[in-house]
Structure formats: structure tokens, C-alpha cells
Amino acid sequence: MPKTVIVMPAYNAERTLVKTLEDIPEGLAHKIILVDDASQDRTVELARDLGLTVFVHEQNRGYGANQKTCYREALKAGADVVVMIHPDYQYDSSLAPHLVDLIDKGYFDVMLGTRIRTRTEAMQGGMPWWKYLSNRFLTLLENMLTGQNLSEWHTGYRAYSRKALMTIPWERNSDDFVFDTQFLMQAAFLGFKIAEIPVPVRYYDDSSSINFVRSTTYGLTTLAMAAKYFFARLGLHRSRLFLPKPEHEA
């Protein structure tokens, strides 16, 4: 069985952390790491009481910066597979073993839990209509550019092999939400195998979700990243985002 480390990028997750942990199958994780991005509630105290390994950002540094700390610490812990689960109870954590198994058996390097198997399921799960439409548009564009055939590029439920994390230069990515898109484009550019499984999604008041303004900013930065990918693939622009990490950085 691979050494599996679950990482949780957390911000104000006090009310949903326990429910999220209860969904994780017993024995799956060798370690659970929670990185707190300067929460205003008791997320840190609760996580420590629950026995998690906790790292704290004294100032809010952003979703991408949170993930950077997550992956850095997971690799230090010797992870073979790293699973990112948001501690806001939006995604069904009980399906994590399927993500791990497909990576462990060598079928794929990156596994995603997609929220969009059908439009009906996504909307019934509570996804706002404007978020669904923007997700569909951006995913179509990203698939066309990269040659992938994913149903969703913007899920936060992901698993990565150690090799992917040691090769993809994610430390060079944004500290904001576009980090996720950058990571997948880097994985596609460098030839890693990406796949997905459908997962139920739950939108509650306690679940984290960026608002319309932040979503618009995210969409524009995603389009900018798509342009960088396009020109890099054509050889018209050389970007450090698409260069594998040197051995001394890995």
C-alpha cells in the first residue's frame, strides 16, 4: 500500500472539519496534514485536538500558497501519493481510496474528483448556474488546448503521485486560486497522465466558495494561463511554468 498523505488547505473550517474527517476511510492516510491560512475561527485548535499535523500561516497568503505548504510538507513526510481534500465538506471524502488506487497501480499520475457528471447532478448538488456555465466554457477551452477530455478542470478534489509533485514546478505558480489550473496545464504540458472519477458535491452555507467577483477574476487569469500554454506549445514563448524542476529543486 502506498504511503498516502492527505492534505487539507484550510480557512475557517471549524464547523465542517469533523464531518470531512468522518468521511475518510479508516486506514487510508498515513498522515493528515492541515495547513491553516490565518483562519479567524478555531480551525487550528480543533485540528490539533483531533490529532492532525498542523501548519499555520500567520498571515493569509492565499489558496495557492496554502497548497504549496501542503505539498512541501507532504513530500517531506515521504508521501507516495498526496490527496488534497478541502475540509469544508463540499466533496465526498469516502471516494479518496479510488483516486489513490489508480495512481498506485500506475494507471495515472493525476486523479481528479469531478463534480460534473451530468448538468442535472451538478445543479441539484447546489452549484450556482453562473459557476456551472463558466466551468463548462473554460473546461471546453482547456480541453481543446491540451488535448485532454476532462469533464471538469476546476475541481478542488485531487490526488497526485510523488513523481508528479517532484517534477511539476508548482512552486512557481500563483498564490491565488488559479494555482489549480496552472498545475493541470503543467501536468498536461509535461506529459503526465490525468484522469477523473465522478464524485457527489455538496454546496452548503458552511462550504467554501468564491463569490461572483472573485470567480470573474479567476476566469480571466485562467484565460491568461491558457494563452501562455498555447504559445508555449507552439514554441513561441518560453515560460518557466512549463519547465520541469531541476534535480536540485525536486
Foldseek 3Di string as FASTA:
>chain_A
DFAEEEEEEDAQLVVQQVVQVVLADPPPHPAYEYEYQCHPDCPPVVCVVVPHHYHYDVHRQEDLVSVVVRLVVCVVVVGQKYKYDYSLQFWRNNCVVVQVVCVVVPVFFKEAADAPPDPVLNVVQPDDPVVVVLQQVLVVLVCVLLVDDDPGQQDRTMMGGPVLVQWQPLVPDDRYSCSSVLSVLLCSLVPGGYYYDYTHGHDDPSGDDDDPVVVVVSSVVSVVSSVVSNCVVVVNDDDPNNGIDDNVRD
